[in-house]
Amino acid sequence: MTSEVTATRLKRLQYRASHRGTKEMDWLLGRFAEARLDGMGASEIDLFEALVALPDPDVQAWILSPSLPVDPAYAAIIAELRRFHGLSSDR
């Protein structure tokens, strides 16, 4: 964790990732955040924070439906989420 990223910001992001409104998204984003946030750099945290701000149906479709096109800005984090949850064939 860099000095640019405060503990409060990470706690808020963890909470937002874990309290999405649907259990599926709570699990998909929350578990990922719990495991990976502390090891992310500032730019990765910015990207994850932007992803968490998007509507659940879009993010869930990107994660669970690899055949759907992903917004290029989020392609790397979606691929990492898929690998984290074992949903990707390129482990």
Protein backbone atom coordinates (compact mmCIF):
# COMPACT_ATOMS: atom_id res chain seq x y z
CA MET A 1 0.00 0.00 0.00
CA THR A 2 1.44 3.35 -0.99
CA SER A 3 1.24 6.56 0.99
CA GLU A 4 -1.18 7.88 -1.66
CA VAL A 5 -3.74 5.33 -0.56
CA THR A 6 -5.15 5.78 2.91
CA ALA A 7 -6.38 2.99 5.14
CA THR A 8 -9.77 4.71 5.28
CA ARG A 9 -10.06 4.68 1.50
CA LEU A 10 -9.23 0.97 1.39
CA LYS A 11 -11.78 0.18 4.11
CA ARG A 12 -14.47 2.09 2.24
CA LEU A 13 -13.62 0.37 -1.01
CA GLN A 14 -13.65 -3.04 0.69
CA TYR A 15 -17.07 -2.24 2.14
CA ARG A 16 -18.44 -1.03 -1.21
CA ALA A 17 -17.12 -4.15 -2.96
CA SER A 18 -18.71 -6.42 -0.34
CA HIS A 19 -22.10 -4.71 -0.07
CA ARG A 20 -23.31 -4.47 -3.65
CA GLY A 21 -26.97 -5.39 -3.33
CA THR A 22 -26.76 -8.92 -4.67
CA LYS A 23 -25.04 -11.81 -2.95
CA GLU A 24 -23.35 -12.83 -6.19
CA MET A 25 -21.66 -9.46 -6.63
CA ASP A 26 -20.87 -9.21 -2.91
CA TRP A 27 -19.02 -12.49 -3.28
CA LEU A 28 -17.34 -11.81 -6.64
CA LEU A 29 -16.03 -8.33 -5.83
CA GLY A 30 -15.84 -8.59 -2.05
CA ARG A 31 -13.66 -11.69 -1.87
CA PHE A 32 -11.37 -10.28 -4.55
CA ALA A 33 -11.04 -6.99 -2.68
CA GLU A 34 -10.38 -8.74 0.61
CA ALA A 35 -7.59 -10.80 -0.93
CA ARG A 36 -6.00 -8.24 -3.23
CA LEU A 37 -6.54 -4.63 -2.13
CA ASP A 38 -3.57 -4.45 0.23
CA GLY A 39 -1.22 -5.54 -2.55
CA MET A 40 -2.51 -3.15 -5.20
CA GLY A 41 -0.76 0.01 -6.27
CA ALA A 42 -2.50 3.38 -6.43
CA SER A 43 -3.42 3.09 -10.13
CA GLU A 44 -4.85 -0.42 -9.65
CA ILE A 45 -6.91 0.80 -6.70
CA ASP A 46 -8.19 3.72 -8.78
CA LEU A 47 -9.27 1.27 -11.50
CA PHE A 48 -10.94 -1.11 -9.04
CA GLU A 49 -12.73 1.82 -7.41
CA ALA A 50 -14.05 2.90 -10.82
CA LEU A 51 -15.18 -0.67 -11.52
CA VAL A 52 -17.03 -0.84 -8.19
CA ALA A 53 -18.90 2.35 -9.14
CA LEU A 54 -20.35 0.71 -12.28
CA PRO A 55 -23.79 -0.94 -12.36
CA ASP A 56 -23.87 -4.54 -11.08
CA PRO A 57 -25.45 -6.07 -14.21
CA ASP A 58 -22.64 -4.78 -16.42
CA VAL A 59 -19.83 -5.92 -14.14
CA GLN A 60 -21.44 -9.29 -13.44
CA ALA A 61 -21.94 -9.94 -17.16
CA TRP A 62 -18.31 -9.07 -17.90
CA ILE A 63 -17.06 -11.42 -15.19
CA LEU A 64 -19.38 -14.36 -15.82
CA SER A 65 -19.79 -14.15 -19.61
CA PRO A 66 -16.36 -14.20 -21.26
CA SER A 67 -17.96 -14.04 -24.71
CA LEU A 68 -19.34 -10.55 -24.01
CA PRO A 69 -17.14 -7.60 -24.95
CA VAL A 70 -15.59 -5.81 -21.97
CA ASP A 71 -14.97 -2.08 -21.87
CA PRO A 72 -11.24 -1.88 -22.74
CA ALA A 73 -10.58 0.33 -19.71
CA TYR A 74 -11.60 -2.57 -17.45
CA ALA A 75 -10.35 -5.55 -19.46
CA ALA A 76 -7.28 -6.20 -17.28
CA ILE A 77 -9.11 -6.07 -13.95
CA ILE A 78 -11.96 -8.22 -15.30
CA ALA A 79 -9.42 -10.80 -16.50
CA GLU A 80 -7.81 -10.76 -13.06
CA LEU A 81 -11.21 -11.20 -11.38
CA ARG A 82 -11.94 -14.17 -13.65
CA ARG A 83 -8.58 -15.77 -12.83
CA PHE A 84 -9.06 -15.13 -9.10
CA HIS A 85 -12.40 -16.94 -9.14
CA GLY A 86 -11.22 -19.74 -11.42
CA LEU A 87 -13.43 -18.61 -14.28
CA SER A 88 -10.64 -18.22 -16.79
CA SER A 89 -8.98 -20.92 -18.84
CA ASP A 90 -5.65 -19.02 -18.86
CA ARG A 91 -4.52 -19.71 -15.32
